[in-house]
Amino acid sequence: MSYGFRAVNNQGTVSVDGDSTTYVYLGKTQFNPNIPGRQDIYVHCVGYPLIFFETFHGIGGTQDGNYASLALRWAVAMTRLRQAPGDPNTWIITMNCNFANGPDPNFRLNLRVFGLLHLNYPGGSSEQYGARAWNAQGQLTFDTGFRHLKLAGNTYDTEMPISAAMPSGDSGNAIAATDTAVAMPFDMANKSIMANTRGIIAMPYQYGAYIDFETNQTVEQWVTMYTDTGFWSNGSTLYARKFSTYSTTFNSSGGFNVVSNNQMTYTRVAVIDNNSFP
């Protein structure tokens, strides 16, 4: 930066830079994990939001795909984020929950929403005392009246492998899937995560074929099984699991090339402490 304000902490990390646009906490909204399958939540944000979502915590992991306990089949996935039709400042967040025996019907999980400061609060906060910083373009980049995402404190960012194994069947529960896990440097209780991929989301497979005597062509019958990657945690370990959500069928004449889906994928996972954003 050629001019302006910058703050550096004891570790030499820049915590405030007047040139850098920042995301601030806009608030939280609840979703109901007792509803299996997809549910849409609407939030208001000017510009693209960052969404952190809570997951089930205190649920044990699995070993070698052993799902002997139904309580182990809990996972929460964020499957889609899109603008509402006709309203660029309203966003639709699609969540998907997978469990066999759900928690208390009154139990809720939260989404925490962050938006760019200069777009959502161009005039700043209503605080009478504090500090503000603007960049050379006149955009407000820091205001002590808001909770800034980059000042969240107990946070972490890591790369997490997602197993290539696919769930068996499309009943909604990953009976034979393989879980993957990553260790965090803190307990995952009262934390929210942001993940940037759902892993493998579709796997077509052929289940039959017949001859179309009118065209004398072989018609292949296919099923495409759609999966989401859900997350949950126990202690300091974050788990990921693919679970099947629904399937579609289609016919193909004259051949159909399928790219192998049994590949390991990865996701970036960011974690924040909910106590910093009540």
C-alpha atoms as a PDB file:
ATOM      1  CA  MET A   1       0.000   0.000   0.000  1.00  0.00           C
ATOM      2  CA  SER A   2       1.281   3.469  -0.853  1.00  0.00           C
ATOM      3  CA  TYR A   3      -0.690   5.227   1.862  1.00  0.00           C
ATOM      4  CA  GLY A   4      -3.331   4.459   4.460  1.00  0.00           C
ATOM      5  CA  PHE A   5      -3.497   2.327   7.595  1.00  0.00           C
ATOM      6  CA  ARG A   6      -2.092  -1.124   8.390  1.00  0.00           C
ATOM      7  CA  ALA A   7      -1.951  -3.100  11.653  1.00  0.00           C
ATOM      8  CA  VAL A   8       0.416  -6.026  12.298  1.00  0.00           C
ATOM      9  CA  ASN A   9       0.072  -8.416  15.245  1.00  0.00           C
ATOM     10  CA  ASN A  10       2.826  -9.935  17.402  1.00  0.00           C
ATOM     11  CA  GLN A  11       3.273 -12.814  14.960  1.00  0.00           C
ATOM     12  CA  GLY A  12       3.957 -10.429  12.096  1.00  0.00           C
ATOM     13  CA  THR A  13       0.603 -11.109  10.432  1.00  0.00           C
ATOM     14  CA  VAL A  14      -1.254  -8.204   8.881  1.00  0.00           C
ATOM     15  CA  SER A  15      -4.654  -8.066  10.605  1.00  0.00           C
ATOM     16  CA  VAL A  16      -5.936  -4.766   9.178  1.00  0.00           C
ATOM     17  CA  ASP A  17      -5.000  -3.263   5.823  1.00  0.00           C
ATOM     18  CA  GLY A  18      -6.802  -0.240   4.469  1.00  0.00           C
ATOM     19  CA  ASP A  19      -6.290  -1.436   0.877  1.00  0.00           C
ATOM     20  CA  SER A  20      -7.986  -4.800   1.402  1.00  0.00           C
ATOM     21  CA  THR A  21     -11.733  -5.187   1.099  1.00  0.00           C
ATOM     22  CA  THR A  22     -13.154  -7.264   3.918  1.00  0.00           C
ATOM     23  CA  TYR A  23     -16.090  -9.496   4.735  1.00  0.00           C
ATOM     24  CA  VAL A  24     -18.137  -8.665   7.806  1.00  0.00           C
ATOM     25  CA  TYR A  25     -20.707 -10.657   9.727  1.00  0.00           C
ATOM     26  CA  LEU A  26     -24.256  -9.977   8.508  1.00  0.00           C
ATOM     27  CA  GLY A  27     -26.027 -12.367  10.877  1.00  0.00           C
ATOM     28  CA  LYS A  28     -27.209 -15.953  11.172  1.00  0.00           C
ATOM     29  CA  THR A  29     -30.298 -17.902  10.224  1.00  0.00           C
ATOM     30  CA  GLN A  30     -31.480 -21.341  11.279  1.00  0.00           C
ATOM     31  CA  PHE A  31     -32.208 -24.459   9.293  1.00  0.00           C
ATOM     32  CA  ASN A  32     -33.914 -27.623  10.467  1.00  0.00           C
ATOM     33  CA  PRO A  33     -31.665 -30.711  10.392  1.00  0.00           C
ATOM     34  CA  ASN A  34     -34.656 -32.913  11.225  1.00  0.00           C
ATOM     35  CA  ILE A  35     -35.887 -32.559   7.642  1.00  0.00           C
ATOM     36  CA  PRO A  36     -34.133 -35.176   5.500  1.00  0.00           C
ATOM     37  CA  GLY A  37     -33.263 -34.056   2.004  1.00  0.00           C
ATOM     38  CA  ARG A  38     -32.968 -30.588   0.551  1.00  0.00           C
ATOM     39  CA  GLN A  39     -34.318 -27.376   2.042  1.00  0.00           C
ATOM     40  CA  ASP A  40     -33.867 -23.797   0.815  1.00  0.00           C
ATOM     41  CA  ILE A  41     -32.961 -20.882   3.082  1.00  0.00           C
ATOM     42  CA  TYR A  42     -33.161 -17.260   1.880  1.00  0.00           C
ATOM     43  CA  VAL A  43     -30.706 -14.578   3.035  1.00  0.00           C
ATOM     44  CA  HIS A  44     -30.094 -10.953   2.066  1.00  0.00           C
ATOM     45  CA  CYS A  45     -26.610  -9.853   0.975  1.00  0.00           C
ATOM     46  CA  VAL A  46     -25.349  -7.273  -1.527  1.00  0.00           C
ATOM     47  CA  GLY A  47     -22.717  -9.065  -3.578  1.00  0.00           C
ATOM     48  CA  TYR A  48     -21.592 -12.650  -3.204  1.00  0.00           C
ATOM     49  CA  PRO A  49     -21.894 -13.948   0.377  1.00  0.00           C
ATOM     50  CA  LEU A  50     -19.663 -16.363   2.251  1.00  0.00           C
ATOM     51  CA  ILE A  51     -21.682 -19.007   4.100  1.00  0.00           C
ATOM     52  CA  PHE A  52     -20.467 -20.951   7.136  1.00  0.00           C
ATOM     53  CA  PHE A  53     -22.746 -23.719   8.375  1.00  0.00           C
ATOM     54  CA  GLU A  54     -22.928 -25.713  11.590  1.00  0.00           C
ATOM     55  CA  THR A  55     -22.711 -29.491  11.522  1.00  0.00           C
ATOM     56  CA  PHE A  56     -23.671 -32.280  13.883  1.00  0.00           C
ATOM     57  CA  HIS A  57     -21.062 -32.580  16.639  1.00  0.00           C
ATOM     58  CA  GLY A  58     -20.262 -35.382  19.052  1.00  0.00           C
ATOM     59  CA  ILE A  59     -21.074 -38.117  16.532  1.00  0.00           C
ATOM     60  CA  GLY A  60     -18.526 -40.942  16.376  1.00  0.00           C
ATOM     61  CA  GLY A  61     -16.710 -41.918  13.200  1.00  0.00           C
ATOM     62  CA  THR A  62     -16.831 -45.221  11.354  1.00  0.00           C
ATOM     63  CA  GLN A  63     -14.210 -47.792  10.512  1.00  0.00           C
ATOM     64  CA  ASP A  64     -14.055 -49.760   7.264  1.00  0.00           C
ATOM     65  CA  GLY A  65     -17.528 -48.597   6.246  1.00  0.00           C
ATOM     66  CA  ASN A  66     -19.132 -50.229   9.293  1.00  0.00           C
ATOM     67  CA  TYR A  67     -22.465 -48.517   9.964  1.00  0.00           C
ATOM     68  CA  ALA A  68     -23.623 -50.759  12.788  1.00  0.00           C
ATOM     69  CA  SER A  69     -24.993 -47.809  14.733  1.00  0.00           C
ATOM     70  CA  LEU A  70     -27.724 -45.736  13.113  1.00  0.00           C
ATOM     71  CA  ALA A  71     -26.547 -42.760  15.151  1.00  0.00           C
ATOM     72  CA  LEU A  72     -23.427 -42.633  12.979  1.00  0.00           C
ATOM     73  CA  ARG A  73     -25.436 -41.668   9.908  1.00  0.00           C
ATOM     74  CA  TRP A  74     -25.632 -37.945  10.515  1.00  0.00           C
ATOM     75  CA  ALA A  75     -24.146 -35.507   8.043  1.00  0.00           C
ATOM     76  CA  VAL A  76     -24.895 -31.961   6.877  1.00  0.00           C
ATOM     77  CA  ALA A  77     -24.098 -30.660   3.402  1.00  0.00           C
ATOM     78  CA  MET A  78     -24.442 -27.280   1.751  1.00  0.00           C
ATOM     79  CA  THR A  79     -25.266 -28.200  -1.820  1.00  0.00           C
ATOM     80  CA  ARG A  80     -25.976 -24.932  -3.611  1.00  0.00           C
ATOM     81  CA  LEU A  81     -25.772 -21.141  -3.367  1.00  0.00           C
ATOM     82  CA  ARG A  82     -27.536 -19.026  -5.982  1.00  0.00           C
ATOM     83  CA  GLN A  83     -29.242 -15.690  -6.498  1.00  0.00           C
ATOM     84  CA  ALA A  84     -33.003 -15.583  -6.182  1.00  0.00           C
ATOM     85  CA  PRO A  85     -34.726 -14.969  -9.537  1.00  0.00           C
ATOM     86  CA  GLY A  86     -35.332 -11.270 -10.081  1.00  0.00           C
ATOM     87  CA  ASP A  87     -33.570 -10.163  -6.895  1.00  0.00           C
ATOM     88  CA  PRO A  88     -29.745  -9.958  -7.051  1.00  0.00           C
ATOM     89  CA  ASN A  89     -29.510  -9.145  -3.336  1.00  0.00           C
ATOM     90  CA  THR A  90     -31.376 -12.237  -2.145  1.00  0.00           C
ATOM     91  CA  TRP A  91     -29.528 -15.541  -2.111  1.00  0.00           C
ATOM     92  CA  ILE A  92     -30.885 -19.078  -1.853  1.00  0.00           C
ATOM     93  CA  ILE A  93     -28.832 -21.540   0.176  1.00  0.00           C
ATOM     94  CA  THR A  94     -29.723 -25.202  -0.300  1.00  0.00           C
ATOM     95  CA  MET A  95     -28.882 -27.437   2.639  1.00  0.00           C
ATOM     96  CA  ASN A  96     -29.131 -31.209   2.752  1.00  0.00           C
ATOM     97  CA  CYS A  97     -29.221 -33.366   5.873  1.00  0.00           C
ATOM     98  CA  ASN A  98     -28.744 -37.108   6.122  1.00  0.00           C
ATOM     99  CA  PHE A  99     -29.537 -39.150   9.225  1.00  0.00           C
ATOM    100  CA  ALA A 100     -31.342 -42.286  10.280  1.00  0.00           C
ATOM    101  CA  ASN A 101     -32.591 -41.251  13.706  1.00  0.00           C
ATOM    102  CA  GLY A 102     -32.822 -37.478  13.908  1.00  0.00           C
ATOM    103  CA  PRO A 103     -32.179 -35.387  17.032  1.00  0.00           C
ATOM    104  CA  ASP A 104     -34.797 -33.561  19.061  1.00  0.00           C
ATOM    105  CA  PRO A 105     -37.414 -31.983  16.737  1.00  0.00           C
ATOM    106  CA  ASN A 106     -36.702 -28.627  18.384  1.00  0.00           C
ATOM    107  CA  PHE A 107     -32.992 -28.861  17.566  1.00  0.00           C
ATOM    108  CA  ARG A 108     -31.713 -26.361  14.980  1.00  0.00           C
ATOM    109  CA  LEU A 109     -28.424 -25.614  13.242  1.00  0.00           C
ATOM    110  CA  ASN A 110     -27.315 -22.198  12.025  1.00  0.00           C
ATOM    111  CA  LEU A 111     -25.947 -20.613   8.878  1.00  0.00           C
ATOM    112  CA  ARG A 112     -23.646 -17.628   9.391  1.00  0.00           C
ATOM    113  CA  VAL A 113     -23.591 -15.110   6.551  1.00  0.00           C
ATOM    114  CA  PHE A 114     -20.741 -12.746   5.661  1.00  0.00           C
ATOM    115  CA  GLY A 115     -20.796 -10.005   3.024  1.00  0.00           C
ATOM    116  CA  LEU A 116     -18.392  -7.379   1.695  1.00  0.00           C
ATOM    117  CA  LEU A 117     -18.308  -4.356   4.000  1.00  0.00           C
ATOM    118  CA  HIS A 118     -18.214  -1.674   1.299  1.00  0.00           C
ATOM    119  CA  LEU A 119     -21.214  -3.155  -0.535  1.00  0.00           C
ATOM    120  CA  ASN A 120     -23.480  -3.897   2.405  1.00  0.00           C
ATOM    121  CA  TYR A 121     -22.541  -0.951   4.653  1.00  0.00           C
ATOM    122  CA  PRO A 122     -20.955   1.706   2.405  1.00  0.00           C
ATOM    123  CA  GLY A 123     -21.654   4.368   5.029  1.00  0.00           C
ATOM    124  CA  GLY A 124     -20.155   2.352   7.873  1.00  0.00           C
ATOM    125  CA  SER A 125     -21.588   1.497  11.246  1.00  0.00           C
ATOM    126  CA  SER A 126     -23.492   3.744  13.628  1.00  0.00           C
ATOM    127  CA  GLU A 127     -20.721   3.576  16.258  1.00  0.00           C
ATOM    128  CA  GLN A 128     -19.734   7.003  17.605  1.00  0.00           C
ATOM    129  CA  TYR A 129     -16.212   5.919  18.568  1.00  0.00           C
ATOM    130  CA  GLY A 130     -13.704   3.641  16.869  1.00  0.00           C
ATOM    131  CA  ALA A 131     -11.635   3.471  13.707  1.00  0.00           C
ATOM    132  CA  ARG A 132     -12.384   3.248   9.984  1.00  0.00           C
ATOM    133  CA  ALA A 133     -10.239   2.797   6.887  1.00  0.00           C
ATOM    134  CA  TRP A 134     -10.905   3.422   3.203  1.00  0.00           C
ATOM    135  CA  ASN A 135      -8.962   2.350   0.128  1.00  0.00           C
ATOM    136  CA  ALA A 136      -7.876   4.543  -2.773  1.00  0.00           C
ATOM    137  CA  GLN A 137     -11.201   3.879  -4.519  1.00  0.00           C
ATOM    138  CA  GLY A 138     -13.115   5.331  -1.604  1.00  0.00           C
ATOM    139  CA  GLN A 139     -14.438   1.933  -0.465  1.00  0.00           C
ATOM    140  CA  LEU A 140     -14.840   1.398   3.275  1.00  0.00           C
ATOM    141  CA  THR A 141     -12.539  -1.521   4.126  1.00  0.00           C
ATOM    142  CA  PHE A 142     -12.459  -1.522   7.932  1.00  0.00           C
ATOM    143  CA  ASP A 143     -14.839  -0.390  10.654  1.00  0.00           C
ATOM    144  CA  THR A 144     -14.508  -1.332  14.311  1.00  0.00           C
ATOM    145  CA  GLY A 145     -18.293  -1.287  14.563  1.00  0.00           C
ATOM    146  CA  PHE A 146     -18.490  -4.626  12.705  1.00  0.00           C
ATOM    147  CA  ARG A 147     -17.266  -8.158  13.282  1.00  0.00           C
ATOM    148  CA  HIS A 148     -14.740  -8.786  10.523  1.00  0.00           C
ATOM    149  CA  LEU A 149     -14.261 -12.306   9.237  1.00  0.00           C
ATOM    150  CA  LYS A 150     -10.473 -11.989   9.104  1.00  0.00           C
ATOM    151  CA  LEU A 151     -10.430 -11.026  12.797  1.00  0.00           C
ATOM    152  CA  ALA A 152     -12.381 -14.094  13.850  1.00  0.00           C
ATOM    153  CA  GLY A 153      -9.704 -15.477  16.154  1.00  0.00           C
ATOM    154  CA  ASN A 154      -9.948 -19.246  16.560  1.00  0.00           C
ATOM    155  CA  THR A 155     -10.081 -20.176  12.869  1.00  0.00           C
ATOM    156  CA  TYR A 156      -8.434 -22.723  10.609  1.00  0.00           C
ATOM    157  CA  ASP A 157      -8.110 -23.525   6.909  1.00  0.00           C
ATOM    158  CA  THR A 158      -7.109 -26.919   5.555  1.00  0.00           C
ATOM    159  CA  GLU A 159      -7.382 -29.246   2.581  1.00  0.00           C
ATOM    160  CA  MET A 160      -9.515 -32.311   3.221  1.00  0.00           C
ATOM    161  CA  PRO A 161      -9.615 -35.488   1.109  1.00  0.00           C
ATOM    162  CA  ILE A 162     -13.026 -36.830   0.098  1.00  0.00           C
ATOM    163  CA  SER A 163     -13.190 -40.586  -0.361  1.00  0.00           C
ATOM    164  CA  ALA A 164     -13.658 -41.956  -3.875  1.00  0.00           C
ATOM    165  CA  ALA A 165     -15.949 -44.684  -2.537  1.00  0.00           C
ATOM    166  CA  MET A 166     -19.590 -44.264  -3.486  1.00  0.00           C
ATOM    167  CA  PRO A 167     -22.642 -45.089  -1.376  1.00  0.00           C
ATOM    168  CA  SER A 168     -24.432 -48.295  -2.294  1.00  0.00           C
ATOM    169  CA  GLY A 169     -27.968 -47.770  -3.534  1.00  0.00           C
ATOM    170  CA  ASP A 170     -29.895 -44.534  -3.528  1.00  0.00           C
ATOM    171  CA  SER A 171     -31.933 -44.840  -0.351  1.00  0.00           C
ATOM    172  CA  GLY A 172     -30.487 -41.666   1.135  1.00  0.00           C
ATOM    173  CA  ASN A 173     -28.115 -43.341   3.600  1.00  0.00           C
ATOM    174  CA  ALA A 174     -24.472 -44.038   2.824  1.00  0.00           C
ATOM    175  CA  ILE A 175     -24.578 -47.630   4.006  1.00  0.00           C
ATOM    176  CA  ALA A 176     -21.345 -48.783   2.391  1.00  0.00           C
ATOM    177  CA  ALA A 177     -19.528 -45.495   1.877  1.00  0.00           C
ATOM    178  CA  THR A 178     -16.114 -44.780   3.336  1.00  0.00           C
ATOM    179  CA  ASP A 179     -15.645 -41.775   5.573  1.00  0.00           C
ATOM    180  CA  THR A 180     -12.622 -39.515   5.463  1.00  0.00           C
ATOM    181  CA  ALA A 181     -11.433 -37.296   8.276  1.00  0.00           C
ATOM    182  CA  VAL A 182      -9.031 -34.496   9.107  1.00  0.00           C
ATOM    183  CA  ALA A 183      -7.708 -33.465  12.522  1.00  0.00           C
ATOM    184  CA  MET A 184      -8.186 -29.858  13.600  1.00  0.00           C
ATOM    185  CA  PRO A 185      -5.986 -28.037  16.142  1.00  0.00           C
ATOM    186  CA  PHE A 186      -8.997 -27.425  18.388  1.00  0.00           C
ATOM    187  CA  ASP A 187     -12.254 -29.056  19.452  1.00  0.00           C
ATOM    188  CA  MET A 188     -14.919 -28.720  16.763  1.00  0.00           C
ATOM    189  CA  ALA A 189     -17.724 -28.097  19.243  1.00  0.00           C
ATOM    190  CA  ASN A 190     -19.452 -24.758  18.606  1.00  0.00           C
ATOM    191  CA  LYS A 191     -17.719 -24.287  15.251  1.00  0.00           C
ATOM    192  CA  SER A 192     -19.014 -23.587  11.738  1.00  0.00           C
ATOM    193  CA  ILE A 193     -17.398 -24.619   8.469  1.00  0.00           C
ATOM    194  CA  MET A 194     -17.289 -23.508   4.843  1.00  0.00           C
ATOM    195  CA  ALA A 195     -16.496 -26.174   2.239  1.00  0.00           C
ATOM    196  CA  ASN A 196     -16.000 -25.430  -1.452  1.00  0.00           C
ATOM    197  CA  THR A 197     -16.849 -28.764  -3.049  1.00  0.00           C
ATOM    198  CA  ARG A 198     -19.368 -31.577  -2.804  1.00  0.00           C
ATOM    199  CA  GLY A 199     -16.941 -34.187  -4.098  1.00  0.00           C
ATOM    200  CA  ILE A 200     -18.370 -36.573  -6.687  1.00  0.00           C
ATOM    201  CA  ILE A 201     -21.936 -35.468  -7.335  1.00  0.00           C
ATOM    202  CA  ALA A 202     -23.091 -37.866 -10.062  1.00  0.00           C
ATOM    203  CA  MET A 203     -22.287 -41.439 -11.042  1.00  0.00           C
ATOM    204  CA  PRO A 204     -23.979 -42.987 -14.105  1.00  0.00           C
ATOM    205  CA  TYR A 205     -24.086 -46.743 -14.434  1.00  0.00           C
ATOM    206  CA  GLN A 206     -25.739 -49.070 -16.923  1.00  0.00           C
ATOM    207  CA  TYR A 207     -28.452 -51.365 -15.611  1.00  0.00           C
ATOM    208  CA  GLY A 208     -29.777 -52.865 -18.849  1.00  0.00           C
ATOM    209  CA  ALA A 209     -30.041 -52.710 -22.641  1.00  0.00           C
ATOM    210  CA  TYR A 210     -32.454 -53.719 -25.402  1.00  0.00           C
ATOM    211  CA  ILE A 211     -32.661 -53.673 -29.224  1.00  0.00           C
ATOM    212  CA  ASP A 212     -34.841 -50.997 -30.810  1.00  0.00           C
ATOM    213  CA  PHE A 213     -36.175 -52.968 -33.789  1.00  0.00           C
ATOM    214  CA  GLU A 214     -37.320 -49.802 -35.598  1.00  0.00           C
ATOM    215  CA  THR A 215     -33.787 -48.421 -35.751  1.00  0.00           C
ATOM    216  CA  ASN A 216     -31.917 -51.670 -35.186  1.00  0.00           C
ATOM    217  CA  GLN A 217     -29.849 -49.933 -32.512  1.00  0.00           C
ATOM    218  CA  THR A 218     -28.947 -51.011 -29.042  1.00  0.00           C
ATOM    219  CA  VAL A 219     -30.569 -48.772 -26.444  1.00  0.00           C
ATOM    220  CA  GLU A 220     -28.642 -48.667 -23.193  1.00  0.00           C
ATOM    221  CA  GLN A 221     -30.520 -47.953 -19.998  1.00  0.00           C
ATOM    222  CA  TRP A 222     -28.692 -45.862 -17.408  1.00  0.00           C
ATOM    223  CA  VAL A 223     -29.184 -44.635 -13.874  1.00  0.00           C
ATOM    224  CA  THR A 224     -27.416 -41.532 -12.610  1.00  0.00           C
ATOM    225  CA  MET A 225     -27.016 -41.506  -8.851  1.00  0.00           C
ATOM    226  CA  TYR A 226     -26.497 -38.054  -7.350  1.00  0.00           C
ATOM    227  CA  THR A 227     -24.539 -37.698  -4.134  1.00  0.00           C
ATOM    228  CA  ASP A 228     -23.621 -34.919  -1.750  1.00  0.00           C
ATOM    229  CA  THR A 229     -20.656 -34.674   0.587  1.00  0.00           C
ATOM    230  CA  GLY A 230     -21.837 -34.111   4.130  1.00  0.00           C
ATOM    231  CA  PHE A 231     -19.819 -33.227   7.212  1.00  0.00           C
ATOM    232  CA  TRP A 232     -19.977 -33.846  10.937  1.00  0.00           C
ATOM    233  CA  SER A 233     -17.456 -33.779  13.788  1.00  0.00           C
ATOM    234  CA  ASN A 234     -16.422 -35.432  17.003  1.00  0.00           C
ATOM    235  CA  GLY A 235     -13.860 -33.898  19.338  1.00  0.00           C
ATOM    236  CA  SER A 236     -11.208 -32.257  17.166  1.00  0.00           C
ATOM    237  CA  THR A 237     -11.898 -34.472  14.133  1.00  0.00           C
ATOM    238  CA  LEU A 238     -13.954 -33.337  11.149  1.00  0.00           C
ATOM    239  CA  TYR A 239     -15.498 -36.135   9.083  1.00  0.00           C
ATOM    240  CA  ALA A 240     -16.819 -36.164   5.527  1.00  0.00           C
ATOM    241  CA  ARG A 241     -19.150 -38.692   3.913  1.00  0.00           C
ATOM    242  CA  LYS A 242     -20.834 -39.036   0.555  1.00  0.00           C
ATOM    243  CA  PHE A 243     -24.509 -39.840   0.800  1.00  0.00           C
ATOM    244  CA  SER A 244     -26.926 -40.567  -1.993  1.00  0.00           C
ATOM    245  CA  THR A 245     -29.795 -38.149  -2.417  1.00  0.00           C
ATOM    246  CA  TYR A 246     -31.732 -39.136  -5.543  1.00  0.00           C
ATOM    247  CA  SER A 247     -31.352 -40.800  -8.936  1.00  0.00           C
ATOM    248  CA  THR A 248     -32.615 -40.380 -12.489  1.00  0.00           C
ATOM    249  CA  THR A 249     -32.861 -42.790 -15.408  1.00  0.00           C
ATOM    250  CA  PHE A 250     -32.284 -42.237 -19.109  1.00  0.00           C
ATOM    251  CA  ASN A 251     -31.786 -44.170 -22.338  1.00  0.00           C
ATOM    252  CA  SER A 252     -28.865 -43.811 -24.726  1.00  0.00           C
ATOM    253  CA  SER A 253     -28.717 -45.013 -28.342  1.00  0.00           C
ATOM    254  CA  GLY A 254     -25.520 -45.596 -30.227  1.00  0.00           C
ATOM    255  CA  GLY A 255     -23.179 -45.801 -27.262  1.00  0.00           C
ATOM    256  CA  PHE A 256     -22.445 -43.677 -24.237  1.00  0.00           C
ATOM    257  CA  ASN A 257     -18.997 -42.925 -22.850  1.00  0.00           C
ATOM    258  CA  VAL A 258     -18.638 -42.752 -19.086  1.00  0.00           C
ATOM    259  CA  VAL A 259     -15.646 -41.215 -17.367  1.00  0.00           C
ATOM    260  CA  SER A 260     -14.587 -43.103 -14.249  1.00  0.00           C
ATOM    261  CA  ASN A 261     -15.994 -41.541 -11.086  1.00  0.00           C
ATOM    262  CA  ASN A 262     -13.963 -43.504  -8.547  1.00  0.00           C
ATOM    263  CA  GLN A 263     -11.436 -40.749  -7.944  1.00  0.00           C
ATOM    264  CA  MET A 264     -10.307 -39.088  -4.759  1.00  0.00           C
ATOM    265  CA  THR A 265     -11.380 -35.441  -4.579  1.00  0.00           C
ATOM    266  CA  TYR A 266     -10.468 -32.648  -2.190  1.00  0.00           C
ATOM    267  CA  THR A 267     -12.155 -29.697  -0.567  1.00  0.00           C
ATOM    268  CA  ARG A 268     -10.888 -26.587   1.120  1.00  0.00           C
ATOM    269  CA  VAL A 269     -12.463 -26.309   4.547  1.00  0.00           C
ATOM    270  CA  ALA A 270     -12.457 -23.105   6.572  1.00  0.00           C
ATOM    271  CA  VAL A 271     -13.548 -23.104  10.228  1.00  0.00           C
ATOM    272  CA  ILE A 272     -14.732 -20.268  12.456  1.00  0.00           C
ATOM    273  CA  ASP A 273     -15.603 -20.093  16.135  1.00  0.00           C
ATOM    274  CA  ASN A 274     -19.313 -19.439  16.623  1.00  0.00           C
ATOM    275  CA  ASN A 275     -18.545 -17.447  19.785  1.00  0.00           C
ATOM    276  CA  SER A 276     -16.940 -14.767  17.601  1.00  0.00           C
ATOM    277  CA  PHE A 277     -20.180 -14.436  15.624  1.00  0.00           C
ATOM    278  CA  PRO A 278     -23.116 -14.936  18.015  1.00  0.00           C
END
